[in-house]
Amino acid sequence: MPFLPASRLALPRRGALLLALAATALCAGGVHAQAAYPNKPIRLIVPFPPGGGTDMIARTVAQKLIDQHKWNVVVDNRPGAGGNLGVDAAAKAAPDGYTLVMGQTSNLAINPSLYAKLPYDPVKDLVPVALVSSAPIVMAAPANSPYKTFADIVAAAKARPDGITLGYSGNGTVAHLAGELAENAAGIKLRHVPYKGASQAMTDLVGGQIDLYMSAVPTLLGQVRNGKLKAIAITSLKRSAQLPDTPTLAESGYKDFDAASWYGVLAPAGTPAPIVQTLNKAINQALAQPDVADKLKSEGGDVLGGTPEKFSVLLKAEVPRWAKIVKDSGASLD
C-alpha cells in the first residue's frame, strides 16, 4: 500500500465531518420549521352562517388567538346541509394545521345517524383539538305571545294539532331534535319550520311569523334580554345562569329531559401531534382569559377547555347517545 501523507488521510474525515454538520443543520432547520408554526393564515371554518351561536363562539376564540399570539386567524363561514358542508371541507383539507373547524353536537354527534350518506366520519376523519363551550337549548317565543309556559304550548298544540309553528336552524341540529324530543315527551305535534341560519329566523320570530324557536342560549339571549323575546323553557337538567327564571323541561314535568349543545375545534385527521398540542395550548390560554370567559358566559355558554383526549372521549360517547335519540325521534335525512 503506497504511503499517503497525513493531509491526504484527513480529507475523507473532513468530508465526513462536513456531511455530519450539514445533516445536523438540516435537522435543526426541520425543528425550526416546526417551531415556526403557524407561519401563514389559519382558516377556522364555521359550518353555519354569521350571526349564530357557533359563529359568535368561533369569532371570540379567533380574536383572542390574534390578540395573544399575533396569529392570522380567518373565520370562514361555510353553511349548508346542517353543518355538513363546512365540516366536510375541513375533513378533506390538508392536515397541516392551517384549516380548522368549529364543530358542535349536531354536525359531529347527530348527523352520523341522521344522514344516510354523510361525506365524513367525525371520529375517523377529524382529530379533536379542544372543547370550547357548551350551552343548553332554549325555547323562545315573541314577547307578545300568548304562551307563557310549556304547559300553555302543550294545551294549545293539543287543541290545534300541527297548528303551532316551531323554527330551528337546520334539520338535524340539536335544536331540531330537542324539539322532537319535547313533542314526543308531551304527546303533541308542532309544525316544523327549518331555517338555514339564525339571522332570518330571529327576524321572523320577533315579527311573529313563527310561534316558537329553539336554539342554543347564545343565539337567543340578546333578544330575550332586550325584551323582544321571552324564554319558555330550557332543555338542560339545570337552569341557565343567564336565564335563571326560565324553568327546565325536566322541572316542567318531563323527568331527565336533557339536550345541550357543545362546541369544539377540530383539525383534519393526520394533523401532526405537535401542531395539535400547540393549538390546544393556545385555545386553553384564550379560554382562561377573563374577557373570553365572561363573553361566553354572558352569552349563555359554559367554558370547557381541556385536552384533545378529553374532547375525543366526549365525541366517542356522544355519537351513540344521539344515535338512540335520532332513532327514537324517527328523524332522518337523505
C-alpha atoms as a PDB file:
ATOM      1  CA  MET A   1       0.000   0.000   0.000  1.00  0.00           C
ATOM      2  CA  PRO A   2       1.529   3.314  -1.043  1.00  0.00           C
ATOM      3  CA  PHE A   3       2.365   5.825   1.627  1.00  0.00           C
ATOM      4  CA  LEU A   4      -0.235   8.658   1.938  1.00  0.00           C
ATOM      5  CA  PRO A   5       0.541  11.943   3.643  1.00  0.00           C
ATOM      6  CA  ALA A   6      -1.452  12.805   6.768  1.00  0.00           C
ATOM      7  CA  SER A   7      -3.142  15.644   4.871  1.00  0.00           C
ATOM      8  CA  ARG A   8      -4.460  13.133   2.286  1.00  0.00           C
ATOM      9  CA  LEU A   9      -5.795  10.829   5.032  1.00  0.00           C
ATOM     10  CA  ALA A  10      -7.615  13.769   6.678  1.00  0.00           C
ATOM     11  CA  LEU A  11      -9.650  14.590   3.586  1.00  0.00           C
ATOM     12  CA  PRO A  12     -12.215  11.767   3.922  1.00  0.00           C
ATOM     13  CA  ARG A  13     -12.580  12.501   7.615  1.00  0.00           C
ATOM     14  CA  ARG A  14     -13.051  16.166   6.867  1.00  0.00           C
ATOM     15  CA  GLY A  15     -15.651  15.277   4.265  1.00  0.00           C
ATOM     16  CA  ALA A  16     -17.493  13.066   6.724  1.00  0.00           C
ATOM     17  CA  LEU A  17     -17.427  15.863   9.272  1.00  0.00           C
ATOM     18  CA  LEU A  18     -18.849  18.297   6.740  1.00  0.00           C
ATOM     19  CA  LEU A  19     -21.623  15.850   5.856  1.00  0.00           C
ATOM     20  CA  ALA A  20     -22.443  15.384   9.542  1.00  0.00           C
ATOM     21  CA  LEU A  21     -22.574  19.139  10.057  1.00  0.00           C
ATOM     22  CA  ALA A  22     -24.844  19.516   7.032  1.00  0.00           C
ATOM     23  CA  ALA A  23     -27.169  16.806   8.314  1.00  0.00           C
ATOM     24  CA  THR A  24     -27.289  18.484  11.713  1.00  0.00           C
ATOM     25  CA  ALA A  25     -28.138  21.784  10.067  1.00  0.00           C
ATOM     26  CA  LEU A  26     -30.941  20.164   8.085  1.00  0.00           C
ATOM     27  CA  CYS A  27     -32.375  18.592  11.231  1.00  0.00           C
ATOM     28  CA  ALA A  28     -32.157  21.898  13.056  1.00  0.00           C
ATOM     29  CA  GLY A  29     -33.883  23.542  10.121  1.00  0.00           C
ATOM     30  CA  GLY A  30     -36.686  20.972  10.340  1.00  0.00           C
ATOM     31  CA  VAL A  31     -37.113  21.571  14.051  1.00  0.00           C
ATOM     32  CA  HIS A  32     -37.074  25.304  13.457  1.00  0.00           C
ATOM     33  CA  ALA A  33     -39.715  24.946  10.721  1.00  0.00           C
ATOM     34  CA  GLN A  34     -41.960  23.037  13.123  1.00  0.00           C
ATOM     35  CA  ALA A  35     -41.386  25.578  15.871  1.00  0.00           C
ATOM     36  CA  ALA A  36     -42.369  28.341  13.463  1.00  0.00           C
ATOM     37  CA  TYR A  37     -45.973  27.131  13.234  1.00  0.00           C
ATOM     38  CA  PRO A  38     -48.039  28.970  12.311  1.00  0.00           C
ATOM     39  CA  ASN A  39     -46.309  30.990   9.623  1.00  0.00           C
ATOM     40  CA  LYS A  40     -49.342  31.684   7.431  1.00  0.00           C
ATOM     41  CA  PRO A  41     -53.072  32.325   7.957  1.00  0.00           C
ATOM     42  CA  ILE A  42     -55.132  29.727   9.813  1.00  0.00           C
ATOM     43  CA  ARG A  43     -58.635  29.213   8.448  1.00  0.00           C
ATOM     44  CA  LEU A  44     -61.275  28.472  11.089  1.00  0.00           C
ATOM     45  CA  ILE A  45     -64.363  27.142   9.323  1.00  0.00           C
ATOM     46  CA  VAL A  46     -67.753  27.875  10.868  1.00  0.00           C
ATOM     47  CA  PRO A  47     -70.275  25.498   9.269  1.00  0.00           C
ATOM     48  CA  PHE A  48     -73.161  27.932   9.789  1.00  0.00           C
ATOM     49  CA  PRO A  49     -73.961  31.492   8.628  1.00  0.00           C
ATOM     50  CA  PRO A  50     -72.734  34.577  10.506  1.00  0.00           C
ATOM     51  CA  GLY A  51     -74.736  35.717  13.497  1.00  0.00           C
ATOM     52  CA  GLY A  52     -75.489  32.422  15.222  1.00  0.00           C
ATOM     53  CA  GLY A  53     -74.099  30.909  18.402  1.00  0.00           C
ATOM     54  CA  THR A  54     -71.397  28.843  16.683  1.00  0.00           C
ATOM     55  CA  ASP A  55     -70.223  31.904  14.770  1.00  0.00           C
ATOM     56  CA  MET A  56     -70.064  34.044  17.919  1.00  0.00           C
ATOM     57  CA  ILE A  57     -68.048  31.426  19.802  1.00  0.00           C
ATOM     58  CA  ALA A  58     -65.645  30.930  16.900  1.00  0.00           C
ATOM     59  CA  ARG A  59     -65.052  34.656  16.444  1.00  0.00           C
ATOM     60  CA  THR A  60     -64.478  35.174  20.166  1.00  0.00           C
ATOM     61  CA  VAL A  61     -61.790  32.480  20.254  1.00  0.00           C
ATOM     62  CA  ALA A  62     -60.247  33.547  16.937  1.00  0.00           C
ATOM     63  CA  GLN A  63     -59.914  37.154  18.056  1.00  0.00           C
ATOM     64  CA  LYS A  64     -58.181  36.142  21.280  1.00  0.00           C
ATOM     65  CA  LEU A  65     -55.700  33.968  19.342  1.00  0.00           C
ATOM     66  CA  ILE A  66     -54.973  37.005  17.198  1.00  0.00           C
ATOM     67  CA  ASP A  67     -54.578  39.279  20.212  1.00  0.00           C
ATOM     68  CA  GLN A  68     -52.477  36.913  22.324  1.00  0.00           C
ATOM     69  CA  HIS A  69     -50.264  35.235  19.739  1.00  0.00           C
ATOM     70  CA  LYS A  70     -50.423  37.604  16.756  1.00  0.00           C
ATOM     71  CA  TRP A  71     -51.640  34.699  14.645  1.00  0.00           C
ATOM     72  CA  ASN A  72     -53.566  35.414  11.470  1.00  0.00           C
ATOM     73  CA  VAL A  73     -56.833  33.540  12.084  1.00  0.00           C
ATOM     74  CA  VAL A  74     -59.550  33.949   9.458  1.00  0.00           C
ATOM     75  CA  VAL A  75     -63.124  32.848  10.202  1.00  0.00           C
ATOM     76  CA  ASP A  76     -64.692  31.239   7.130  1.00  0.00           C
ATOM     77  CA  ASN A  77     -68.472  30.732   7.221  1.00  0.00           C
ATOM     78  CA  ARG A  78     -69.391  27.668   5.143  1.00  0.00           C
ATOM     79  CA  PRO A  79     -73.096  26.941   5.858  1.00  0.00           C
ATOM     80  CA  GLY A  80     -75.258  24.224   4.369  1.00  0.00           C
ATOM     81  CA  ALA A  81     -76.700  20.744   4.935  1.00  0.00           C
ATOM     82  CA  GLY A  82     -76.959  21.087   8.708  1.00  0.00           C
ATOM     83  CA  GLY A  83     -73.280  21.973   9.007  1.00  0.00           C
ATOM     84  CA  ASN A  84     -72.105  19.060   6.845  1.00  0.00           C
ATOM     85  CA  LEU A  85     -70.604  21.193   4.080  1.00  0.00           C
ATOM     86  CA  GLY A  86     -68.282  23.094   6.375  1.00  0.00           C
ATOM     87  CA  VAL A  87     -67.208  20.072   8.409  1.00  0.00           C
ATOM     88  CA  ASP A  88     -66.588  18.073   5.230  1.00  0.00           C
ATOM     89  CA  ALA A  89     -64.424  20.884   3.846  1.00  0.00           C
ATOM     90  CA  ALA A  90     -62.294  20.725   6.988  1.00  0.00           C
ATOM     91  CA  ALA A  91     -62.120  16.923   6.976  1.00  0.00           C
ATOM     92  CA  LYS A  92     -60.824  16.936   3.401  1.00  0.00           C
ATOM     93  CA  ALA A  93     -58.318  19.765   3.902  1.00  0.00           C
ATOM     94  CA  ALA A  94     -54.563  19.254   4.132  1.00  0.00           C
ATOM     95  CA  PRO A  95     -53.636  18.023   7.640  1.00  0.00           C
ATOM     96  CA  ASP A  96     -51.131  20.800   8.239  1.00  0.00           C
ATOM     97  CA  GLY A  97     -52.828  22.810  10.974  1.00  0.00           C
ATOM     98  CA  TYR A  98     -53.931  25.613   8.674  1.00  0.00           C
ATOM     99  CA  THR A  99     -57.560  24.509   8.339  1.00  0.00           C
ATOM    100  CA  LEU A 100     -59.682  24.014  11.457  1.00  0.00           C
ATOM    101  CA  VAL A 101     -63.404  23.779  12.091  1.00  0.00           C
ATOM    102  CA  MET A 102     -65.623  24.856  14.956  1.00  0.00           C
ATOM    103  CA  GLY A 103     -67.723  21.728  15.200  1.00  0.00           C
ATOM    104  CA  GLN A 104     -70.629  21.126  17.514  1.00  0.00           C
ATOM    105  CA  THR A 105     -73.038  18.469  18.654  1.00  0.00           C
ATOM    106  CA  SER A 106     -75.269  18.467  15.596  1.00  0.00           C
ATOM    107  CA  ASN A 107     -72.691  18.028  12.854  1.00  0.00           C
ATOM    108  CA  LEU A 108     -70.386  15.747  14.849  1.00  0.00           C
ATOM    109  CA  ALA A 109     -72.607  13.580  17.053  1.00  0.00           C
ATOM    110  CA  ILE A 110     -76.061  13.740  15.461  1.00  0.00           C
ATOM    111  CA  ASN A 111     -75.533  13.828  11.709  1.00  0.00           C
ATOM    112  CA  PRO A 112     -73.808  10.411  11.505  1.00  0.00           C
ATOM    113  CA  SER A 113     -77.149   8.823  12.417  1.00  0.00           C
ATOM    114  CA  LEU A 114     -79.403  11.364  10.761  1.00  0.00           C
ATOM    115  CA  TYR A 115     -77.925  11.314   7.245  1.00  0.00           C
ATOM    116  CA  ALA A 116     -77.868   8.125   5.181  1.00  0.00           C
ATOM    117  CA  LYS A 117     -74.745   9.232   3.313  1.00  0.00           C
ATOM    118  CA  LEU A 118     -72.605  11.530   5.442  1.00  0.00           C
ATOM    119  CA  PRO A 119     -69.498  12.585   3.461  1.00  0.00           C
ATOM    120  CA  TYR A 120     -67.223  12.388   6.521  1.00  0.00           C
ATOM    121  CA  ASP A 121     -66.746  10.298   9.638  1.00  0.00           C
ATOM    122  CA  PRO A 122     -66.364  12.681  12.595  1.00  0.00           C
ATOM    123  CA  VAL A 123     -64.315  10.158  14.584  1.00  0.00           C
ATOM    124  CA  LYS A 124     -62.045   8.890  11.791  1.00  0.00           C
ATOM    125  CA  ASP A 125     -61.684  11.964   9.547  1.00  0.00           C
ATOM    126  CA  LEU A 126     -61.110  14.616  12.199  1.00  0.00           C
ATOM    127  CA  VAL A 127     -58.856  14.960  15.227  1.00  0.00           C
ATOM    128  CA  PRO A 128     -60.218  16.821  18.289  1.00  0.00           C
ATOM    129  CA  VAL A 129     -58.136  19.832  19.303  1.00  0.00           C
ATOM    130  CA  ALA A 130     -60.028  21.430  22.197  1.00  0.00           C
ATOM    131  CA  LEU A 131     -63.504  21.722  23.606  1.00  0.00           C
ATOM    132  CA  VAL A 132     -64.582  25.337  23.876  1.00  0.00           C
ATOM    133  CA  SER A 133     -68.045  25.749  25.298  1.00  0.00           C
ATOM    134  CA  SER A 134     -71.420  24.168  25.955  1.00  0.00           C
ATOM    135  CA  ALA A 135     -74.896  25.652  26.103  1.00  0.00           C
ATOM    136  CA  PRO A 136     -78.416  24.352  26.668  1.00  0.00           C
ATOM    137  CA  ILE A 137     -81.183  24.798  24.131  1.00  0.00           C
ATOM    138  CA  VAL A 138     -83.886  27.342  24.909  1.00  0.00           C
ATOM    139  CA  MET A 139     -87.407  27.503  23.525  1.00  0.00           C
ATOM    140  CA  ALA A 140     -88.424  31.108  22.951  1.00  0.00           C
ATOM    141  CA  ALA A 141     -91.499  32.980  21.728  1.00  0.00           C
ATOM    142  CA  PRO A 142     -92.213  36.582  20.680  1.00  0.00           C
ATOM    143  CA  ALA A 143     -92.640  38.947  23.607  1.00  0.00           C
ATOM    144  CA  ASN A 144     -96.368  39.356  22.865  1.00  0.00           C
ATOM    145  CA  SER A 145     -97.011  35.616  22.515  1.00  0.00           C
ATOM    146  CA  PRO A 146     -99.961  34.205  24.477  1.00  0.00           C
ATOM    147  CA  TYR A 147     -97.750  31.304  25.591  1.00  0.00           C
ATOM    148  CA  LYS A 148     -96.009  31.850  28.909  1.00  0.00           C
ATOM    149  CA  THR A 149     -95.122  28.279  29.864  1.00  0.00           C
ATOM    150  CA  PHE A 150     -94.509  24.983  28.124  1.00  0.00           C
ATOM    151  CA  ALA A 151     -97.806  23.817  29.609  1.00  0.00           C
ATOM    152  CA  ASP A 152     -99.527  26.593  27.647  1.00  0.00           C
ATOM    153  CA  ILE A 153     -97.917  25.316  24.455  1.00  0.00           C
ATOM    154  CA  VAL A 154     -98.927  21.734  25.187  1.00  0.00           C
ATOM    155  CA  ALA A 155    -102.544  22.762  25.768  1.00  0.00           C
ATOM    156  CA  ALA A 156    -102.671  24.860  22.604  1.00  0.00           C
ATOM    157  CA  ALA A 157    -101.000  22.168  20.496  1.00  0.00           C
ATOM    158  CA  LYS A 158    -103.469  19.535  21.685  1.00  0.00           C
ATOM    159  CA  ALA A 159    -106.315  21.865  20.792  1.00  0.00           C
ATOM    160  CA  ARG A 160    -104.785  22.644  17.384  1.00  0.00           C
ATOM    161  CA  PRO A 161    -102.556  19.738  16.240  1.00  0.00           C
ATOM    162  CA  ASP A 162     -99.879  20.954  13.817  1.00  0.00           C
ATOM    163  CA  GLY A 163    -101.172  24.496  14.254  1.00  0.00           C
ATOM    164  CA  ILE A 164     -98.222  25.944  16.195  1.00  0.00           C
ATOM    165  CA  THR A 165     -95.021  26.641  14.262  1.00  0.00           C
ATOM    166  CA  LEU A 166     -91.595  25.738  15.656  1.00  0.00           C
ATOM    167  CA  GLY A 167     -88.497  27.105  13.961  1.00  0.00           C
ATOM    168  CA  TYR A 168     -84.879  25.995  14.304  1.00  0.00           C
ATOM    169  CA  SER A 169     -81.646  26.408  12.400  1.00  0.00           C
ATOM    170  CA  GLY A 170     -81.278  23.401  10.102  1.00  0.00           C
ATOM    171  CA  ASN A 171     -82.611  19.875  10.075  1.00  0.00           C
ATOM    172  CA  GLY A 172     -80.738  17.535  12.347  1.00  0.00           C
ATOM    173  CA  THR A 173     -79.391  20.183  14.689  1.00  0.00           C
ATOM    174  CA  VAL A 174     -79.565  19.782  18.448  1.00  0.00           C
ATOM    175  CA  ALA A 175     -82.413  22.310  18.466  1.00  0.00           C
ATOM    176  CA  HIS A 176     -84.343  20.272  15.891  1.00  0.00           C
ATOM    177  CA  LEU A 177     -84.001  17.040  17.854  1.00  0.00           C
ATOM    178  CA  ALA A 178     -84.631  18.775  21.178  1.00  0.00           C
ATOM    179  CA  GLY A 179     -87.908  19.968  19.661  1.00  0.00           C
ATOM    180  CA  GLU A 180     -88.702  16.427  18.512  1.00  0.00           C
ATOM    181  CA  LEU A 181     -87.925  15.114  21.989  1.00  0.00           C
ATOM    182  CA  ALA A 182     -90.140  17.743  23.604  1.00  0.00           C
ATOM    183  CA  GLU A 183     -93.018  16.887  21.273  1.00  0.00           C
ATOM    184  CA  ASN A 184     -92.686  13.167  21.946  1.00  0.00           C
ATOM    185  CA  ALA A 185     -92.455  13.698  25.687  1.00  0.00           C
ATOM    186  CA  ALA A 186     -95.566  15.894  25.726  1.00  0.00           C
ATOM    187  CA  GLY A 187     -97.511  13.892  23.138  1.00  0.00           C
ATOM    188  CA  ILE A 188     -98.045  16.883  20.830  1.00  0.00           C
ATOM    189  CA  LYS A 189     -97.338  17.748  17.220  1.00  0.00           C
ATOM    190  CA  LEU A 190     -95.864  21.096  16.136  1.00  0.00           C
ATOM    191  CA  ARG A 191     -95.373  22.339  12.578  1.00  0.00           C
ATOM    192  CA  HIS A 192     -91.618  22.500  11.963  1.00  0.00           C
ATOM    193  CA  VAL A 193     -90.004  25.397  10.089  1.00  0.00           C
ATOM    194  CA  PRO A 194     -86.276  24.769   9.432  1.00  0.00           C
ATOM    195  CA  TYR A 195     -84.069  27.769   8.644  1.00  0.00           C
ATOM    196  CA  LYS A 196     -80.630  27.924   7.047  1.00  0.00           C
ATOM    197  CA  GLY A 197     -79.343  30.100   9.861  1.00  0.00           C
ATOM    198  CA  ALA A 198     -80.331  32.119  12.909  1.00  0.00           C
ATOM    199  CA  SER A 199     -80.465  35.602  11.378  1.00  0.00           C
ATOM    200  CA  GLN A 200     -83.628  35.192   9.288  1.00  0.00           C
ATOM    201  CA  ALA A 201     -85.228  33.083  11.987  1.00  0.00           C
ATOM    202  CA  MET A 202     -84.741  35.848  14.547  1.00  0.00           C
ATOM    203  CA  THR A 203     -86.407  38.352  12.233  1.00  0.00           C
ATOM    204  CA  ASP A 204     -89.385  36.055  11.676  1.00  0.00           C
ATOM    205  CA  LEU A 205     -89.709  35.160  15.357  1.00  0.00           C
ATOM    206  CA  VAL A 206     -89.594  38.737  16.616  1.00  0.00           C
ATOM    207  CA  GLY A 207     -92.036  39.687  13.869  1.00  0.00           C
ATOM    208  CA  GLY A 208     -94.454  36.914  14.803  1.00  0.00           C
ATOM    209  CA  GLN A 209     -94.151  34.959  11.541  1.00  0.00           C
ATOM    210  CA  ILE A 210     -93.379  31.842  13.602  1.00  0.00           C
ATOM    211  CA  ASP A 211     -94.702  30.979  17.058  1.00  0.00           C
ATOM    212  CA  LEU A 212     -91.658  29.361  18.637  1.00  0.00           C
ATOM    213  CA  TYR A 213     -87.949  28.965  18.007  1.00  0.00           C
ATOM    214  CA  MET A 214     -85.407  26.634  19.571  1.00  0.00           C
ATOM    215  CA  SER A 215     -81.695  27.336  19.612  1.00  0.00           C
ATOM    216  CA  ALA A 216     -78.686  27.372  21.913  1.00  0.00           C
ATOM    217  CA  VAL A 217     -78.840  30.075  24.575  1.00  0.00           C
ATOM    218  CA  PRO A 218     -76.110  32.264  22.957  1.00  0.00           C
ATOM    219  CA  THR A 219     -78.256  32.737  19.834  1.00  0.00           C
ATOM    220  CA  LEU A 220     -81.376  33.910  21.657  1.00  0.00           C
ATOM    221  CA  LEU A 221     -80.091  35.533  24.826  1.00  0.00           C
ATOM    222  CA  GLY A 222     -79.634  39.048  23.437  1.00  0.00           C
ATOM    223  CA  GLN A 223     -83.202  39.246  22.134  1.00  0.00           C
ATOM    224  CA  VAL A 224     -84.560  37.858  25.399  1.00  0.00           C
ATOM    225  CA  ARG A 225     -82.640  40.437  27.405  1.00  0.00           C
ATOM    226  CA  ASN A 226     -83.817  43.343  25.256  1.00  0.00           C
ATOM    227  CA  GLY A 227     -87.433  42.262  25.689  1.00  0.00           C
ATOM    228  CA  LYS A 228     -88.187  41.257  22.118  1.00  0.00           C
ATOM    229  CA  LEU A 229     -88.448  37.566  23.001  1.00  0.00           C
ATOM    230  CA  LYS A 230     -89.391  35.561  26.065  1.00  0.00           C
ATOM    231  CA  ALA A 231     -87.803  32.291  27.084  1.00  0.00           C
ATOM    232  CA  ILE A 232     -90.290  29.474  27.673  1.00  0.00           C
ATOM    233  CA  ALA A 233     -88.127  26.524  28.716  1.00  0.00           C
ATOM    234  CA  ILE A 234     -84.539  25.245  28.908  1.00  0.00           C
ATOM    235  CA  THR A 235     -83.579  21.744  27.742  1.00  0.00           C
ATOM    236  CA  SER A 236     -80.699  21.063  30.150  1.00  0.00           C
ATOM    237  CA  LEU A 237     -81.073  19.331  33.514  1.00  0.00           C
ATOM    238  CA  LYS A 238     -80.253  22.545  35.377  1.00  0.00           C
ATOM    239  CA  ARG A 239     -81.291  26.126  34.765  1.00  0.00           C
ATOM    240  CA  SER A 240     -79.090  28.512  32.834  1.00  0.00           C
ATOM    241  CA  ALA A 241     -77.218  31.073  34.930  1.00  0.00           C
ATOM    242  CA  GLN A 242     -78.069  33.644  32.254  1.00  0.00           C
ATOM    243  CA  LEU A 243     -81.787  32.773  32.291  1.00  0.00           C
ATOM    244  CA  PRO A 244     -82.331  31.887  35.960  1.00  0.00           C
ATOM    245  CA  ASP A 245     -86.100  32.440  35.819  1.00  0.00           C
ATOM    246  CA  THR A 246     -86.622  30.057  32.913  1.00  0.00           C
ATOM    247  CA  PRO A 247     -87.605  26.557  34.061  1.00  0.00           C
ATOM    248  CA  THR A 248     -86.126  23.399  32.576  1.00  0.00           C
ATOM    249  CA  LEU A 249     -88.318  20.897  30.784  1.00  0.00           C
ATOM    250  CA  ALA A 250     -87.345  18.431  33.497  1.00  0.00           C
ATOM    251  CA  GLU A 251     -88.846  20.834  36.050  1.00  0.00           C
ATOM    252  CA  SER A 252     -91.920  21.161  33.857  1.00  0.00           C
ATOM    253  CA  GLY A 253     -92.766  17.517  34.378  1.00  0.00           C
ATOM    254  CA  TYR A 254     -90.547  15.765  31.818  1.00  0.00           C
ATOM    255  CA  LYS A 255     -88.114  13.900  34.033  1.00  0.00           C
ATOM    256  CA  ASP A 256     -84.468  13.555  32.927  1.00  0.00           C
ATOM    257  CA  PHE A 257     -85.014  15.680  29.804  1.00  0.00           C
ATOM    258  CA  ASP A 258     -81.508  16.730  28.750  1.00  0.00           C
ATOM    259  CA  ALA A 259     -80.371  18.118  25.394  1.00  0.00           C
ATOM    260  CA  ALA A 260     -77.477  20.568  25.229  1.00  0.00           C
ATOM    261  CA  SER A 261     -75.081  21.702  22.541  1.00  0.00           C
ATOM    262  CA  TRP A 262     -71.298  21.651  22.893  1.00  0.00           C
ATOM    263  CA  TYR A 263     -68.701  23.292  20.680  1.00  0.00           C
ATOM    264  CA  GLY A 264     -65.084  22.441  19.939  1.00  0.00           C
ATOM    265  CA  VAL A 265     -62.230  22.967  17.499  1.00  0.00           C
ATOM    266  CA  LEU A 266     -61.083  20.072  15.303  1.00  0.00           C
ATOM    267  CA  ALA A 267     -58.461  19.556  12.600  1.00  0.00           C
ATOM    268  CA  PRO A 268     -58.200  17.088   9.713  1.00  0.00           C
ATOM    269  CA  ALA A 269     -57.096  13.595  10.707  1.00  0.00           C
ATOM    270  CA  GLY A 270     -53.353  13.202  10.312  1.00  0.00           C
ATOM    271  CA  THR A 271     -52.530  16.672  11.626  1.00  0.00           C
ATOM    272  CA  PRO A 272     -49.164  16.288  13.443  1.00  0.00           C
ATOM    273  CA  ALA A 273     -49.480  15.881  17.201  1.00  0.00           C
ATOM    274  CA  PRO A 274     -47.117  18.813  17.970  1.00  0.00           C
ATOM    275  CA  ILE A 275     -49.374  21.136  15.966  1.00  0.00           C
ATOM    276  CA  VAL A 276     -52.484  19.816  17.720  1.00  0.00           C
ATOM    277  CA  GLN A 277     -50.794  20.421  21.072  1.00  0.00           C
ATOM    278  CA  THR A 278     -49.761  23.941  20.047  1.00  0.00           C
ATOM    279  CA  LEU A 279     -53.335  24.747  19.077  1.00  0.00           C
ATOM    280  CA  ASN A 280     -54.751  23.127  22.200  1.00  0.00           C
ATOM    281  CA  LYS A 281     -52.460  25.134  24.466  1.00  0.00           C
ATOM    282  CA  ALA A 282     -53.296  28.390  22.695  1.00  0.00           C
ATOM    283  CA  ILE A 283     -57.058  27.766  22.813  1.00  0.00           C
ATOM    284  CA  ASN A 284     -56.947  26.869  26.506  1.00  0.00           C
ATOM    285  CA  GLN A 285     -54.959  30.029  27.168  1.00  0.00           C
ATOM    286  CA  ALA A 286     -57.625  32.016  25.331  1.00  0.00           C
ATOM    287  CA  LEU A 287     -60.442  30.393  27.310  1.00  0.00           C
ATOM    288  CA  ALA A 288     -58.630  31.177  30.565  1.00  0.00           C
ATOM    289  CA  GLN A 289     -58.730  34.915  29.876  1.00  0.00           C
ATOM    290  CA  PRO A 290     -61.422  36.674  31.914  1.00  0.00           C
ATOM    291  CA  ASP A 291     -62.792  38.628  28.957  1.00  0.00           C
ATOM    292  CA  VAL A 292     -63.271  35.471  26.868  1.00  0.00           C
ATOM    293  CA  ALA A 293     -64.813  33.523  29.740  1.00  0.00           C
ATOM    294  CA  ASP A 294     -67.089  36.461  30.562  1.00  0.00           C
ATOM    295  CA  LYS A 295     -68.121  36.786  26.908  1.00  0.00           C
ATOM    296  CA  LEU A 296     -69.047  33.123  26.584  1.00  0.00           C
ATOM    297  CA  LYS A 297     -70.830  33.071  29.930  1.00  0.00           C
ATOM    298  CA  SER A 298     -72.682  36.314  29.239  1.00  0.00           C
ATOM    299  CA  GLU A 299     -73.991  34.761  26.030  1.00  0.00           C
ATOM    300  CA  GLY A 300     -75.290  31.719  27.878  1.00  0.00           C
ATOM    301  CA  GLY A 301     -72.420  29.286  27.470  1.00  0.00           C
ATOM    302  CA  ASP A 302     -70.226  27.417  29.918  1.00  0.00           C
ATOM    303  CA  VAL A 303     -66.459  27.411  29.300  1.00  0.00           C
ATOM    304  CA  LEU A 304     -65.000  23.927  28.810  1.00  0.00           C
ATOM    305  CA  GLY A 305     -61.425  23.641  27.505  1.00  0.00           C
ATOM    306  CA  GLY A 306     -59.219  20.667  28.360  1.00  0.00           C
ATOM    307  CA  THR A 307     -57.081  18.198  26.449  1.00  0.00           C
ATOM    308  CA  PRO A 308     -57.635  16.720  22.984  1.00  0.00           C
ATOM    309  CA  GLU A 309     -58.135  13.379  24.726  1.00  0.00           C
ATOM    310  CA  LYS A 310     -60.995  14.790  26.815  1.00  0.00           C
ATOM    311  CA  PHE A 311     -62.695  16.003  23.640  1.00  0.00           C
ATOM    312  CA  SER A 312     -62.130  12.628  21.959  1.00  0.00           C
ATOM    313  CA  VAL A 313     -63.760  10.750  24.849  1.00  0.00           C
ATOM    314  CA  LEU A 314     -66.795  13.049  24.726  1.00  0.00           C
ATOM    315  CA  LEU A 315     -67.179  12.709  20.955  1.00  0.00           C
ATOM    316  CA  LYS A 316     -66.999   8.915  21.028  1.00  0.00           C
ATOM    317  CA  ALA A 317     -69.632   8.821  23.779  1.00  0.00           C
ATOM    318  CA  GLU A 318     -71.994  11.356  22.194  1.00  0.00           C
ATOM    319  CA  VAL A 319     -72.257   9.665  18.784  1.00  0.00           C
ATOM    320  CA  PRO A 320     -74.078   6.559  20.104  1.00  0.00           C
ATOM    321  CA  ARG A 321     -76.112   8.593  22.621  1.00  0.00           C
ATOM    322  CA  TRP A 322     -77.544  10.808  19.900  1.00  0.00           C
ATOM    323  CA  ALA A 323     -77.967   7.827  17.574  1.00  0.00           C
ATOM    324  CA  LYS A 324     -80.562   6.485  20.009  1.00  0.00           C
ATOM    325  CA  ILE A 325     -82.274   9.877  20.214  1.00  0.00           C
ATOM    326  CA  VAL A 326     -82.411  10.114  16.424  1.00  0.00           C
ATOM    327  CA  LYS A 327     -83.835   6.592  16.190  1.00  0.00           C
ATOM    328  CA  ASP A 328     -86.438   7.243  18.866  1.00  0.00           C
ATOM    329  CA  SER A 329     -87.485  10.508  17.209  1.00  0.00           C
ATOM    330  CA  GLY A 330     -87.892   8.894  13.800  1.00  0.00           C
ATOM    331  CA  ALA A 331     -85.986  11.739  12.160  1.00  0.00           C
ATOM    332  CA  SER A 332     -83.944  11.042   9.025  1.00  0.00           C
ATOM    333  CA  LEU A 333     -82.447  12.984   6.145  1.00  0.00           C
ATOM    334  CA  ASP A 334     -81.116  11.928   2.769  1.00  0.00           C
END
